[in-house]
Amino acid sequence: MVPDFTTRLAETADAVEALLDSLLSPELRDGEIARPARLLAAMRHAVLGGGKRLRPALIVETSRLLGREDDGVLRAGAAVECLHGYSLVHDDLPAMDDDDLRRGRPTVHKAYDEATAILAGDALQTLAFDILADPATDPDPAIRADLVLHLARASGLGGMAGGQMLDLDAERVAPDEAGIRRLQAMKTGALIRFSCEAGAILGRADAGERAALRRFGEIIGLAFQLADDLLDVTATPEAVGKATAKDAARGKGTLVSLHGIDATRERLAQLVGEAEAVLQPFGSRAETLIEAARFVAMREN
């Protein structure tokens, strides 16, 4: 019997936590000169001891769908978690979203200071590409280059960083619905989409399989953001481990503010159906990924 997604998610979270703990140890890697203790501590604060590890789990499950399960897949998951961690550290800074709480703990700039937080984010970003470029992730240099290329595009100017810029712009001039969708697809969706495509890359998917898994990632990326916006309206800070109602306070438009809570919930249900349809060619092998789509759409924290 195949374990359900929540069980698999917890197993992946534990494995990625252990791997990140090792990668962020004081031990020097080849070519490094020193690992400053304060910077290392801030990086560890950013990525250890919290988070569902959804993005690594998507890499693990899409790879497993294609028959690959090994330490290289977990390393790719750890790389994405470093990249995601960097984005949260910088997103929380006073010049950006100015948050004091993340995952129920003080944000990095509050636990340390702003300069250390900036450097911790910088170092986590470069560590992500360090991990992917290492032969330990995959023996084939073409696979490693493909992973590096697509993570760079998902996280840079045309992806996550660009989406953060659009989010800042939205505080000055409210975007229309198309603008909100573009912003969210870049800021949040691009890294989730990459996580699904990374599994396809690692699993040596053919062109059709890769396109299907990429589309699956786009669908659940949108579902993740819709669920997040819904939680910002309906949940308490204690439930989600961070401040809520911030979008409304800043006058930021979201799809929830445009269409309402009930319509958003209906759209989330539709997205789960779309995800199931995209995965239909994979048959029963896609069962866990379908559960993942439901988990993303119906989450409560």
C-alpha atoms as a PDB file:
ATOM      1  CA  MET A   1       0.000   0.000   0.000  1.00  0.00           C
ATOM      2  CA  VAL A   2       1.333   3.440  -0.982  1.00  0.00           C
ATOM      3  CA  PRO A   3       1.619   5.832   2.011  1.00  0.00           C
ATOM      4  CA  ASP A   4      -0.630   8.900   1.809  1.00  0.00           C
ATOM      5  CA  PHE A   5       0.835  12.272   0.918  1.00  0.00           C
ATOM      6  CA  THR A   6       0.902  13.649   4.459  1.00  0.00           C
ATOM      7  CA  THR A   7       2.972  10.655   5.540  1.00  0.00           C
ATOM      8  CA  ARG A   8       5.290  11.040   2.572  1.00  0.00           C
ATOM      9  CA  LEU A   9       5.547  14.786   3.225  1.00  0.00           C
ATOM     10  CA  ALA A  10       6.610  14.193   6.836  1.00  0.00           C
ATOM     11  CA  GLU A  11       9.170  11.581   5.748  1.00  0.00           C
ATOM     12  CA  THR A  12      10.630  13.937   3.153  1.00  0.00           C
ATOM     13  CA  ALA A  13      10.693  16.804   5.649  1.00  0.00           C
ATOM     14  CA  ASP A  14      12.714  14.710   8.101  1.00  0.00           C
ATOM     15  CA  ALA A  15      15.150  13.592   5.406  1.00  0.00           C
ATOM     16  CA  VAL A  16      15.640  17.106   4.031  1.00  0.00           C
ATOM     17  CA  GLU A  17      16.041  18.517   7.538  1.00  0.00           C
ATOM     18  CA  ALA A  18      18.851  16.039   8.224  1.00  0.00           C
ATOM     19  CA  LEU A  19      20.518  16.826   4.907  1.00  0.00           C
ATOM     20  CA  LEU A  20      20.307  20.592   5.439  1.00  0.00           C
ATOM     21  CA  ASP A  21      21.742  20.148   8.925  1.00  0.00           C
ATOM     22  CA  SER A  22      24.730  18.381   7.347  1.00  0.00           C
ATOM     23  CA  LEU A  23      25.127  20.900   4.523  1.00  0.00           C
ATOM     24  CA  LEU A  24      25.043  23.754   7.043  1.00  0.00           C
ATOM     25  CA  SER A  25      27.576  22.265   9.444  1.00  0.00           C
ATOM     26  CA  PRO A  26      30.814  24.067  10.345  1.00  0.00           C
ATOM     27  CA  GLU A  27      32.765  21.575   8.220  1.00  0.00           C
ATOM     28  CA  LEU A  28      34.510  23.273   5.300  1.00  0.00           C
ATOM     29  CA  ARG A  29      33.872  22.096   1.744  1.00  0.00           C
ATOM     30  CA  ASP A  30      36.571  21.934  -0.906  1.00  0.00           C
ATOM     31  CA  GLY A  31      37.452  25.471  -2.019  1.00  0.00           C
ATOM     32  CA  GLU A  32      35.990  27.226   1.027  1.00  0.00           C
ATOM     33  CA  ILE A  33      38.224  29.331   3.274  1.00  0.00           C
ATOM     34  CA  ALA A  34      36.069  29.731   6.396  1.00  0.00           C
ATOM     35  CA  ARG A  35      32.434  29.526   7.536  1.00  0.00           C
ATOM     36  CA  PRO A  36      31.786  32.544   9.822  1.00  0.00           C
ATOM     37  CA  ALA A  37      29.872  31.302  12.856  1.00  0.00           C
ATOM     38  CA  ARG A  38      27.302  34.128  12.986  1.00  0.00           C
ATOM     39  CA  LEU A  39      26.455  33.841   9.290  1.00  0.00           C
ATOM     40  CA  LEU A  40      26.163  30.064   9.551  1.00  0.00           C
ATOM     41  CA  ALA A  41      23.889  30.380  12.583  1.00  0.00           C
ATOM     42  CA  ALA A  42      21.621  32.831  10.733  1.00  0.00           C
ATOM     43  CA  MET A  43      21.412  30.495   7.723  1.00  0.00           C
ATOM     44  CA  ARG A  44      20.506  27.606  10.001  1.00  0.00           C
ATOM     45  CA  HIS A  45      17.855  29.747  11.714  1.00  0.00           C
ATOM     46  CA  ALA A  46      16.371  30.473   8.282  1.00  0.00           C
ATOM     47  CA  VAL A  47      15.995  26.916   7.010  1.00  0.00           C
ATOM     48  CA  LEU A  48      16.094  24.473   9.923  1.00  0.00           C
ATOM     49  CA  GLY A  49      13.349  23.550  12.356  1.00  0.00           C
ATOM     50  CA  GLY A  50      10.324  24.749  10.446  1.00  0.00           C
ATOM     51  CA  GLY A  51       8.271  24.548   7.301  1.00  0.00           C
ATOM     52  CA  LYS A  52       6.364  21.733   5.625  1.00  0.00           C
ATOM     53  CA  ARG A  53       9.074  21.132   2.966  1.00  0.00           C
ATOM     54  CA  LEU A  54       6.388  21.064   0.270  1.00  0.00           C
ATOM     55  CA  ARG A  55       8.740  21.990  -2.568  1.00  0.00           C
ATOM     56  CA  PRO A  56      11.254  19.216  -1.797  1.00  0.00           C
ATOM     57  CA  ALA A  57       8.343  16.794  -1.455  1.00  0.00           C
ATOM     58  CA  LEU A  58       7.150  17.713  -4.946  1.00  0.00           C
ATOM     59  CA  ILE A  59      10.616  16.982  -6.326  1.00  0.00           C
ATOM     60  CA  VAL A  60      10.696  13.653  -4.497  1.00  0.00           C
ATOM     61  CA  GLU A  61       7.204  12.624  -5.640  1.00  0.00           C
ATOM     62  CA  THR A  62       7.607  13.635  -9.291  1.00  0.00           C
ATOM     63  CA  SER A  63      10.940  11.796  -9.399  1.00  0.00           C
ATOM     64  CA  ARG A  64       9.395   8.751  -7.746  1.00  0.00           C
ATOM     65  CA  LEU A  65       6.567   8.813 -10.278  1.00  0.00           C
ATOM     66  CA  LEU A  66       9.244   8.288 -12.929  1.00  0.00           C
ATOM     67  CA  GLY A  67      11.052   5.566 -10.984  1.00  0.00           C
ATOM     68  CA  ARG A  68      13.867   7.495  -9.322  1.00  0.00           C
ATOM     69  CA  GLU A  69      14.389   7.500  -5.551  1.00  0.00           C
ATOM     70  CA  ASP A  70      17.877   8.269  -4.236  1.00  0.00           C
ATOM     71  CA  ASP A  71      19.972  10.773  -2.341  1.00  0.00           C
ATOM     72  CA  GLY A  72      20.434  12.931  -5.433  1.00  0.00           C
ATOM     73  CA  VAL A  73      16.721  13.669  -5.456  1.00  0.00           C
ATOM     74  CA  LEU A  74      16.858  14.715  -1.792  1.00  0.00           C
ATOM     75  CA  ARG A  75      19.823  16.959  -2.558  1.00  0.00           C
ATOM     76  CA  ALA A  76      17.775  18.729  -5.232  1.00  0.00           C
ATOM     77  CA  GLY A  77      15.039  19.144  -2.628  1.00  0.00           C
ATOM     78  CA  ALA A  78      17.523  20.648  -0.185  1.00  0.00           C
ATOM     79  CA  ALA A  79      18.718  23.040  -2.893  1.00  0.00           C
ATOM     80  CA  VAL A  80      15.197  24.307  -3.522  1.00  0.00           C
ATOM     81  CA  GLU A  81      14.643  24.688   0.207  1.00  0.00           C
ATOM     82  CA  CYS A  82      17.800  26.836   0.438  1.00  0.00           C
ATOM     83  CA  LEU A  83      16.545  28.998  -2.424  1.00  0.00           C
ATOM     84  CA  HIS A  84      13.106  29.248  -0.844  1.00  0.00           C
ATOM     85  CA  GLY A  85      14.679  30.059   2.528  1.00  0.00           C
ATOM     86  CA  TYR A  86      16.711  32.882   1.006  1.00  0.00           C
ATOM     87  CA  SER A  87      13.553  34.348  -0.524  1.00  0.00           C
ATOM     88  CA  LEU A  88      11.764  34.329   2.831  1.00  0.00           C
ATOM     89  CA  VAL A  89      14.678  35.964   4.651  1.00  0.00           C
ATOM     90  CA  HIS A  90      14.787  38.806   2.131  1.00  0.00           C
ATOM     91  CA  ASP A  91      10.988  39.017   1.848  1.00  0.00           C
ATOM     92  CA  ASP A  92      10.751  39.579   5.627  1.00  0.00           C
ATOM     93  CA  LEU A  93      13.198  42.506   5.646  1.00  0.00           C
ATOM     94  CA  PRO A  94      11.934  45.989   6.615  1.00  0.00           C
ATOM     95  CA  ALA A  95      12.522  47.246   3.064  1.00  0.00           C
ATOM     96  CA  MET A  96      10.271  44.483   1.704  1.00  0.00           C
ATOM     97  CA  ASP A  97       7.306  43.027   3.641  1.00  0.00           C
ATOM     98  CA  ASP A  98       8.695  44.004   7.062  1.00  0.00           C
ATOM     99  CA  ASP A  99       7.701  40.911   9.058  1.00  0.00           C
ATOM    100  CA  ASP A 100       8.760  40.065  12.600  1.00  0.00           C
ATOM    101  CA  LEU A 101       7.471  36.490  12.658  1.00  0.00           C
ATOM    102  CA  ARG A 102       8.095  33.505  10.394  1.00  0.00           C
ATOM    103  CA  ARG A 103       7.016  29.946  11.166  1.00  0.00           C
ATOM    104  CA  GLY A 104       6.212  31.007  14.701  1.00  0.00           C
ATOM    105  CA  ARG A 105       9.733  32.323  15.352  1.00  0.00           C
ATOM    106  CA  PRO A 106      11.462  35.698  15.017  1.00  0.00           C
ATOM    107  CA  THR A 107      12.495  36.429  11.451  1.00  0.00           C
ATOM    108  CA  VAL A 108      16.236  36.346  10.745  1.00  0.00           C
ATOM    109  CA  HIS A 109      16.709  40.117  10.836  1.00  0.00           C
ATOM    110  CA  LYS A 110      14.973  40.169  14.225  1.00  0.00           C
ATOM    111  CA  ALA A 111      16.922  37.222  15.639  1.00  0.00           C
ATOM    112  CA  TYR A 112      20.215  38.666  14.340  1.00  0.00           C
ATOM    113  CA  ASP A 113      20.298  41.966  12.411  1.00  0.00           C
ATOM    114  CA  GLU A 114      19.459  43.274   8.959  1.00  0.00           C
ATOM    115  CA  ALA A 115      22.965  43.048   7.514  1.00  0.00           C
ATOM    116  CA  THR A 116      23.376  39.461   8.710  1.00  0.00           C
ATOM    117  CA  ALA A 117      19.957  38.583   7.297  1.00  0.00           C
ATOM    118  CA  ILE A 118      20.891  39.961   3.883  1.00  0.00           C
ATOM    119  CA  LEU A 119      24.122  37.966   3.857  1.00  0.00           C
ATOM    120  CA  ALA A 120      22.343  34.837   5.078  1.00  0.00           C
ATOM    121  CA  GLY A 121      19.902  35.124   2.179  1.00  0.00           C
ATOM    122  CA  ASP A 122      22.749  35.691  -0.277  1.00  0.00           C
ATOM    123  CA  ALA A 123      24.643  32.669   1.008  1.00  0.00           C
ATOM    124  CA  LEU A 124      21.569  30.412   0.949  1.00  0.00           C
ATOM    125  CA  GLN A 125      20.911  31.389  -2.652  1.00  0.00           C
ATOM    126  CA  THR A 126      24.433  30.506  -3.768  1.00  0.00           C
ATOM    127  CA  LEU A 127      24.365  27.301  -1.714  1.00  0.00           C
ATOM    128  CA  ALA A 128      21.302  26.170  -3.685  1.00  0.00           C
ATOM    129  CA  PHE A 129      23.270  26.269  -6.937  1.00  0.00           C
ATOM    130  CA  ASP A 130      26.333  24.764  -5.247  1.00  0.00           C
ATOM    131  CA  ILE A 131      24.219  21.736  -4.306  1.00  0.00           C
ATOM    132  CA  LEU A 132      22.704  21.317  -7.774  1.00  0.00           C
ATOM    133  CA  ALA A 133      26.061  21.677  -9.541  1.00  0.00           C
ATOM    134  CA  ASP A 134      27.696  19.006  -7.366  1.00  0.00           C
ATOM    135  CA  PRO A 135      28.087  15.566  -9.035  1.00  0.00           C
ATOM    136  CA  ALA A 136      26.608  14.063  -5.863  1.00  0.00           C
ATOM    137  CA  THR A 137      23.221  15.352  -7.067  1.00  0.00           C
ATOM    138  CA  ASP A 138      23.476  13.619 -10.443  1.00  0.00           C
ATOM    139  CA  PRO A 139      26.416  12.044 -12.289  1.00  0.00           C
ATOM    140  CA  ASP A 140      25.300  13.506 -15.618  1.00  0.00           C
ATOM    141  CA  PRO A 141      26.568  17.091 -16.094  1.00  0.00           C
ATOM    142  CA  ALA A 142      23.764  17.790 -18.590  1.00  0.00           C
ATOM    143  CA  ILE A 143      21.154  16.976 -15.941  1.00  0.00           C
ATOM    144  CA  ARG A 144      22.896  19.205 -13.399  1.00  0.00           C
ATOM    145  CA  ALA A 145      23.117  22.060 -15.911  1.00  0.00           C
ATOM    146  CA  ASP A 146      19.412  21.660 -16.734  1.00  0.00           C
ATOM    147  CA  LEU A 147      18.517  21.893 -13.047  1.00  0.00           C
ATOM    148  CA  VAL A 148      20.712  24.964 -12.524  1.00  0.00           C
ATOM    149  CA  LEU A 149      19.325  26.701 -15.630  1.00  0.00           C
ATOM    150  CA  HIS A 150      15.691  26.182 -14.737  1.00  0.00           C
ATOM    151  CA  LEU A 151      16.102  27.073 -11.062  1.00  0.00           C
ATOM    152  CA  ALA A 152      17.870  30.292 -12.100  1.00  0.00           C
ATOM    153  CA  ARG A 153      15.019  31.215 -14.411  1.00  0.00           C
ATOM    154  CA  ALA A 154      12.362  30.316 -11.848  1.00  0.00           C
ATOM    155  CA  SER A 155      13.993  32.399  -9.130  1.00  0.00           C
ATOM    156  CA  GLY A 156      15.429  35.397 -10.972  1.00  0.00           C
ATOM    157  CA  LEU A 157      14.342  38.385 -13.035  1.00  0.00           C
ATOM    158  CA  GLY A 158      11.622  36.538 -14.921  1.00  0.00           C
ATOM    159  CA  GLY A 159      10.483  34.495 -11.923  1.00  0.00           C
ATOM    160  CA  MET A 160      10.468  34.913  -8.167  1.00  0.00           C
ATOM    161  CA  ALA A 161      12.613  38.068  -7.838  1.00  0.00           C
ATOM    162  CA  GLY A 162      10.678  39.738 -10.628  1.00  0.00           C
ATOM    163  CA  GLY A 163       7.456  38.755  -8.908  1.00  0.00           C
ATOM    164  CA  GLN A 164       8.644  40.370  -5.687  1.00  0.00           C
ATOM    165  CA  MET A 165       9.287  43.579  -7.636  1.00  0.00           C
ATOM    166  CA  LEU A 166       5.747  43.448  -9.021  1.00  0.00           C
ATOM    167  CA  ASP A 167       4.483  42.877  -5.475  1.00  0.00           C
ATOM    168  CA  LEU A 168       6.240  46.033  -4.294  1.00  0.00           C
ATOM    169  CA  ASP A 169       4.833  47.949  -7.261  1.00  0.00           C
ATOM    170  CA  ALA A 170       1.345  46.718  -6.292  1.00  0.00           C
ATOM    171  CA  GLU A 171       1.565  48.755  -3.080  1.00  0.00           C
ATOM    172  CA  ARG A 172       1.692  51.923  -5.214  1.00  0.00           C
ATOM    173  CA  VAL A 173      -0.572  51.053  -8.137  1.00  0.00           C
ATOM    174  CA  ALA A 174      -3.125  48.284  -7.742  1.00  0.00           C
ATOM    175  CA  PRO A 175      -2.837  45.751 -10.590  1.00  0.00           C
ATOM    176  CA  ASP A 176      -5.823  44.384 -12.475  1.00  0.00           C
ATOM    177  CA  GLU A 177      -6.719  40.684 -12.302  1.00  0.00           C
ATOM    178  CA  ALA A 178      -4.268  39.761 -15.052  1.00  0.00           C
ATOM    179  CA  GLY A 179      -1.551  41.651 -13.202  1.00  0.00           C
ATOM    180  CA  ILE A 180      -2.309  39.849  -9.941  1.00  0.00           C
ATOM    181  CA  ARG A 181      -2.148  36.487 -11.713  1.00  0.00           C
ATOM    182  CA  ARG A 182       1.188  37.362 -13.325  1.00  0.00           C
ATOM    183  CA  LEU A 183       2.618  38.597 -10.018  1.00  0.00           C
ATOM    184  CA  GLN A 184       1.569  35.450  -8.181  1.00  0.00           C
ATOM    185  CA  ALA A 185       2.742  33.110 -10.936  1.00  0.00           C
ATOM    186  CA  MET A 186       6.187  34.678 -10.651  1.00  0.00           C
ATOM    187  CA  LYS A 187       6.572  35.348  -6.931  1.00  0.00           C
ATOM    188  CA  THR A 188       5.135  32.065  -5.655  1.00  0.00           C
ATOM    189  CA  GLY A 189       4.220  29.805  -8.538  1.00  0.00           C
ATOM    190  CA  ALA A 190       7.525  29.718 -10.418  1.00  0.00           C
ATOM    191  CA  LEU A 191       9.437  27.895  -7.674  1.00  0.00           C
ATOM    192  CA  ILE A 192       6.616  25.386  -7.170  1.00  0.00           C
ATOM    193  CA  ARG A 193       6.473  24.796 -10.909  1.00  0.00           C
ATOM    194  CA  PHE A 194      10.240  24.270 -10.937  1.00  0.00           C
ATOM    195  CA  SER A 195       9.973  21.723  -8.132  1.00  0.00           C
ATOM    196  CA  CYS A 196       7.706  19.577 -10.276  1.00  0.00           C
ATOM    197  CA  GLU A 197       9.830  20.056 -13.383  1.00  0.00           C
ATOM    198  CA  ALA A 198      12.999  19.249 -11.412  1.00  0.00           C
ATOM    199  CA  GLY A 199      11.544  15.832 -10.620  1.00  0.00           C
ATOM    200  CA  ALA A 200      10.911  15.357 -14.324  1.00  0.00           C
ATOM    201  CA  ILE A 201      14.518  16.320 -15.113  1.00  0.00           C
ATOM    202  CA  LEU A 202      15.954  13.988 -12.482  1.00  0.00           C
ATOM    203  CA  GLY A 203      13.627  11.180 -13.563  1.00  0.00           C
ATOM    204  CA  ARG A 204      14.645  11.502 -17.229  1.00  0.00           C
ATOM    205  CA  ALA A 205      11.080  12.258 -18.326  1.00  0.00           C
ATOM    206  CA  ASP A 206      10.297  12.402 -22.022  1.00  0.00           C
ATOM    207  CA  ALA A 207       9.012  15.647 -23.535  1.00  0.00           C
ATOM    208  CA  GLY A 208       5.339  14.812 -22.977  1.00  0.00           C
ATOM    209  CA  GLU A 209       5.839  13.723 -19.376  1.00  0.00           C
ATOM    210  CA  ARG A 210       7.912  16.790 -18.604  1.00  0.00           C
ATOM    211  CA  ALA A 211       5.301  19.123 -20.081  1.00  0.00           C
ATOM    212  CA  ALA A 212       2.544  17.439 -18.058  1.00  0.00           C
ATOM    213  CA  LEU A 213       4.486  17.684 -14.798  1.00  0.00           C
ATOM    214  CA  ARG A 214       5.398  21.289 -15.515  1.00  0.00           C
ATOM    215  CA  ARG A 215       1.723  22.094 -16.097  1.00  0.00           C
ATOM    216  CA  PHE A 216       0.837  20.270 -12.880  1.00  0.00           C
ATOM    217  CA  GLY A 217       3.318  22.539 -11.096  1.00  0.00           C
ATOM    218  CA  GLU A 218       1.692  25.639 -12.585  1.00  0.00           C
ATOM    219  CA  ILE A 219      -1.737  24.508 -11.407  1.00  0.00           C
ATOM    220  CA  ILE A 220      -0.734  23.772  -7.841  1.00  0.00           C
ATOM    221  CA  GLY A 221       1.395  26.920  -7.744  1.00  0.00           C
ATOM    222  CA  LEU A 222      -1.771  28.916  -8.350  1.00  0.00           C
ATOM    223  CA  ALA A 223      -3.653  26.776  -5.828  1.00  0.00           C
ATOM    224  CA  PHE A 224      -0.948  27.379  -3.228  1.00  0.00           C
ATOM    225  CA  GLN A 225      -1.195  31.157  -3.620  1.00  0.00           C
ATOM    226  CA  LEU A 226      -4.989  31.155  -3.582  1.00  0.00           C
ATOM    227  CA  ALA A 227      -4.969  29.073  -0.399  1.00  0.00           C
ATOM    228  CA  ASP A 228      -2.353  31.423   1.083  1.00  0.00           C
ATOM    229  CA  ASP A 229      -4.453  34.488   0.289  1.00  0.00           C
ATOM    230  CA  LEU A 230      -7.490  32.763   1.768  1.00  0.00           C
ATOM    231  CA  LEU A 231      -5.588  32.029   4.967  1.00  0.00           C
ATOM    232  CA  ASP A 232      -4.494  35.674   5.149  1.00  0.00           C
ATOM    233  CA  VAL A 233      -8.187  36.569   5.379  1.00  0.00           C
ATOM    234  CA  THR A 234      -9.564  33.699   7.475  1.00  0.00           C
ATOM    235  CA  ALA A 235      -6.771  32.375   9.719  1.00  0.00           C
ATOM    236  CA  THR A 236      -5.119  33.673  12.884  1.00  0.00           C
ATOM    237  CA  PRO A 237      -1.401  34.487  13.168  1.00  0.00           C
ATOM    238  CA  GLU A 238      -1.089  31.602  15.664  1.00  0.00           C
ATOM    239  CA  ALA A 239      -2.480  29.126  13.139  1.00  0.00           C
ATOM    240  CA  VAL A 240      -0.150  30.096  10.288  1.00  0.00           C
ATOM    241  CA  GLY A 241       2.913  31.183  12.275  1.00  0.00           C
ATOM    242  CA  LYS A 242       3.103  34.650  10.706  1.00  0.00           C
ATOM    243  CA  ALA A 243       1.174  37.906  10.538  1.00  0.00           C
ATOM    244  CA  THR A 244      -2.180  37.824   8.750  1.00  0.00           C
ATOM    245  CA  ALA A 245      -4.456  40.425   7.122  1.00  0.00           C
ATOM    246  CA  LYS A 246      -1.375  42.258   5.821  1.00  0.00           C
ATOM    247  CA  ASP A 247      -2.529  42.425   2.194  1.00  0.00           C
ATOM    248  CA  ALA A 248      -5.721  44.238   3.136  1.00  0.00           C
ATOM    249  CA  ALA A 249      -3.832  46.559   5.488  1.00  0.00           C
ATOM    250  CA  ARG A 250      -1.497  47.571   2.660  1.00  0.00           C
ATOM    251  CA  GLY A 251      -4.285  47.850   0.121  1.00  0.00           C
ATOM    252  CA  LYS A 252      -2.909  45.016  -2.014  1.00  0.00           C
ATOM    253  CA  GLY A 253      -5.369  43.362  -4.340  1.00  0.00           C
ATOM    254  CA  THR A 254      -5.629  39.576  -4.346  1.00  0.00           C
ATOM    255  CA  LEU A 255      -7.877  37.179  -6.191  1.00  0.00           C
ATOM    256  CA  VAL A 256      -9.683  36.626  -2.888  1.00  0.00           C
ATOM    257  CA  SER A 257     -10.384  40.354  -2.524  1.00  0.00           C
ATOM    258  CA  LEU A 258     -11.607  40.471  -6.127  1.00  0.00           C
ATOM    259  CA  HIS A 259     -13.851  37.402  -6.096  1.00  0.00           C
ATOM    260  CA  GLY A 260     -14.606  36.653  -2.452  1.00  0.00           C
ATOM    261  CA  ILE A 261     -14.036  33.710  -0.136  1.00  0.00           C
ATOM    262  CA  ASP A 262     -16.675  31.354  -1.529  1.00  0.00           C
ATOM    263  CA  ALA A 263     -15.645  31.858  -5.149  1.00  0.00           C
ATOM    264  CA  THR A 264     -12.007  31.285  -4.179  1.00  0.00           C
ATOM    265  CA  ARG A 265     -12.878  27.993  -2.524  1.00  0.00           C
ATOM    266  CA  GLU A 266     -14.780  26.945  -5.634  1.00  0.00           C
ATOM    267  CA  ARG A 267     -11.767  27.847  -7.788  1.00  0.00           C
ATOM    268  CA  LEU A 268      -9.491  25.788  -5.559  1.00  0.00           C
ATOM    269  CA  ALA A 269     -11.742  22.764  -6.051  1.00  0.00           C
ATOM    270  CA  GLN A 270     -11.608  23.347  -9.820  1.00  0.00           C
ATOM    271  CA  LEU A 271      -7.813  23.495  -9.730  1.00  0.00           C
ATOM    272  CA  VAL A 272      -7.666  20.118  -7.985  1.00  0.00           C
ATOM    273  CA  GLY A 273      -9.767  18.722 -10.820  1.00  0.00           C
ATOM    274  CA  GLU A 274      -7.427  20.267 -13.393  1.00  0.00           C
ATOM    275  CA  ALA A 275      -4.428  18.742 -11.625  1.00  0.00           C
ATOM    276  CA  GLU A 276      -6.056  15.312 -11.692  1.00  0.00           C
ATOM    277  CA  ALA A 277      -6.776  15.643 -15.417  1.00  0.00           C
ATOM    278  CA  VAL A 278      -3.171  16.597 -16.232  1.00  0.00           C
ATOM    279  CA  LEU A 279      -1.878  13.559 -14.334  1.00  0.00           C
ATOM    280  CA  GLN A 280      -4.358  11.106 -15.849  1.00  0.00           C
ATOM    281  CA  PRO A 281      -1.830   9.689 -18.373  1.00  0.00           C
ATOM    282  CA  PHE A 282       0.324   8.477 -15.454  1.00  0.00           C
ATOM    283  CA  GLY A 283      -2.491   6.316 -14.076  1.00  0.00           C
ATOM    284  CA  SER A 284      -2.241   4.982 -10.541  1.00  0.00           C
ATOM    285  CA  ARG A 285       1.388   6.116 -10.257  1.00  0.00           C
ATOM    286  CA  ALA A 286       0.100   9.684  -9.854  1.00  0.00           C
ATOM    287  CA  GLU A 287      -2.022   8.916  -6.777  1.00  0.00           C
ATOM    288  CA  THR A 288       0.319  10.617  -4.324  1.00  0.00           C
ATOM    289  CA  LEU A 289       0.697  13.721  -6.497  1.00  0.00           C
ATOM    290  CA  ILE A 290      -3.079  14.017  -6.759  1.00  0.00           C
ATOM    291  CA  GLU A 291      -3.199  13.889  -2.962  1.00  0.00           C
ATOM    292  CA  ALA A 292      -0.541  16.600  -2.950  1.00  0.00           C
ATOM    293  CA  ALA A 293      -2.814  18.843  -5.045  1.00  0.00           C
ATOM    294  CA  ARG A 294      -5.660  18.330  -2.582  1.00  0.00           C
ATOM    295  CA  PHE A 295      -3.307  19.034   0.322  1.00  0.00           C
ATOM    296  CA  VAL A 296      -2.141  22.309  -1.228  1.00  0.00           C
ATOM    297  CA  ALA A 297      -5.651  23.497  -2.038  1.00  0.00           C
ATOM    298  CA  MET A 298      -7.272  22.561   1.266  1.00  0.00           C
ATOM    299  CA  ARG A 299      -4.472  23.410   3.717  1.00  0.00           C
ATOM    300  CA  GLU A 300      -5.307  25.237   6.924  1.00  0.00           C
ATOM    301  CA  ASN A 301      -1.891  26.657   7.808  1.00  0.00           C
END
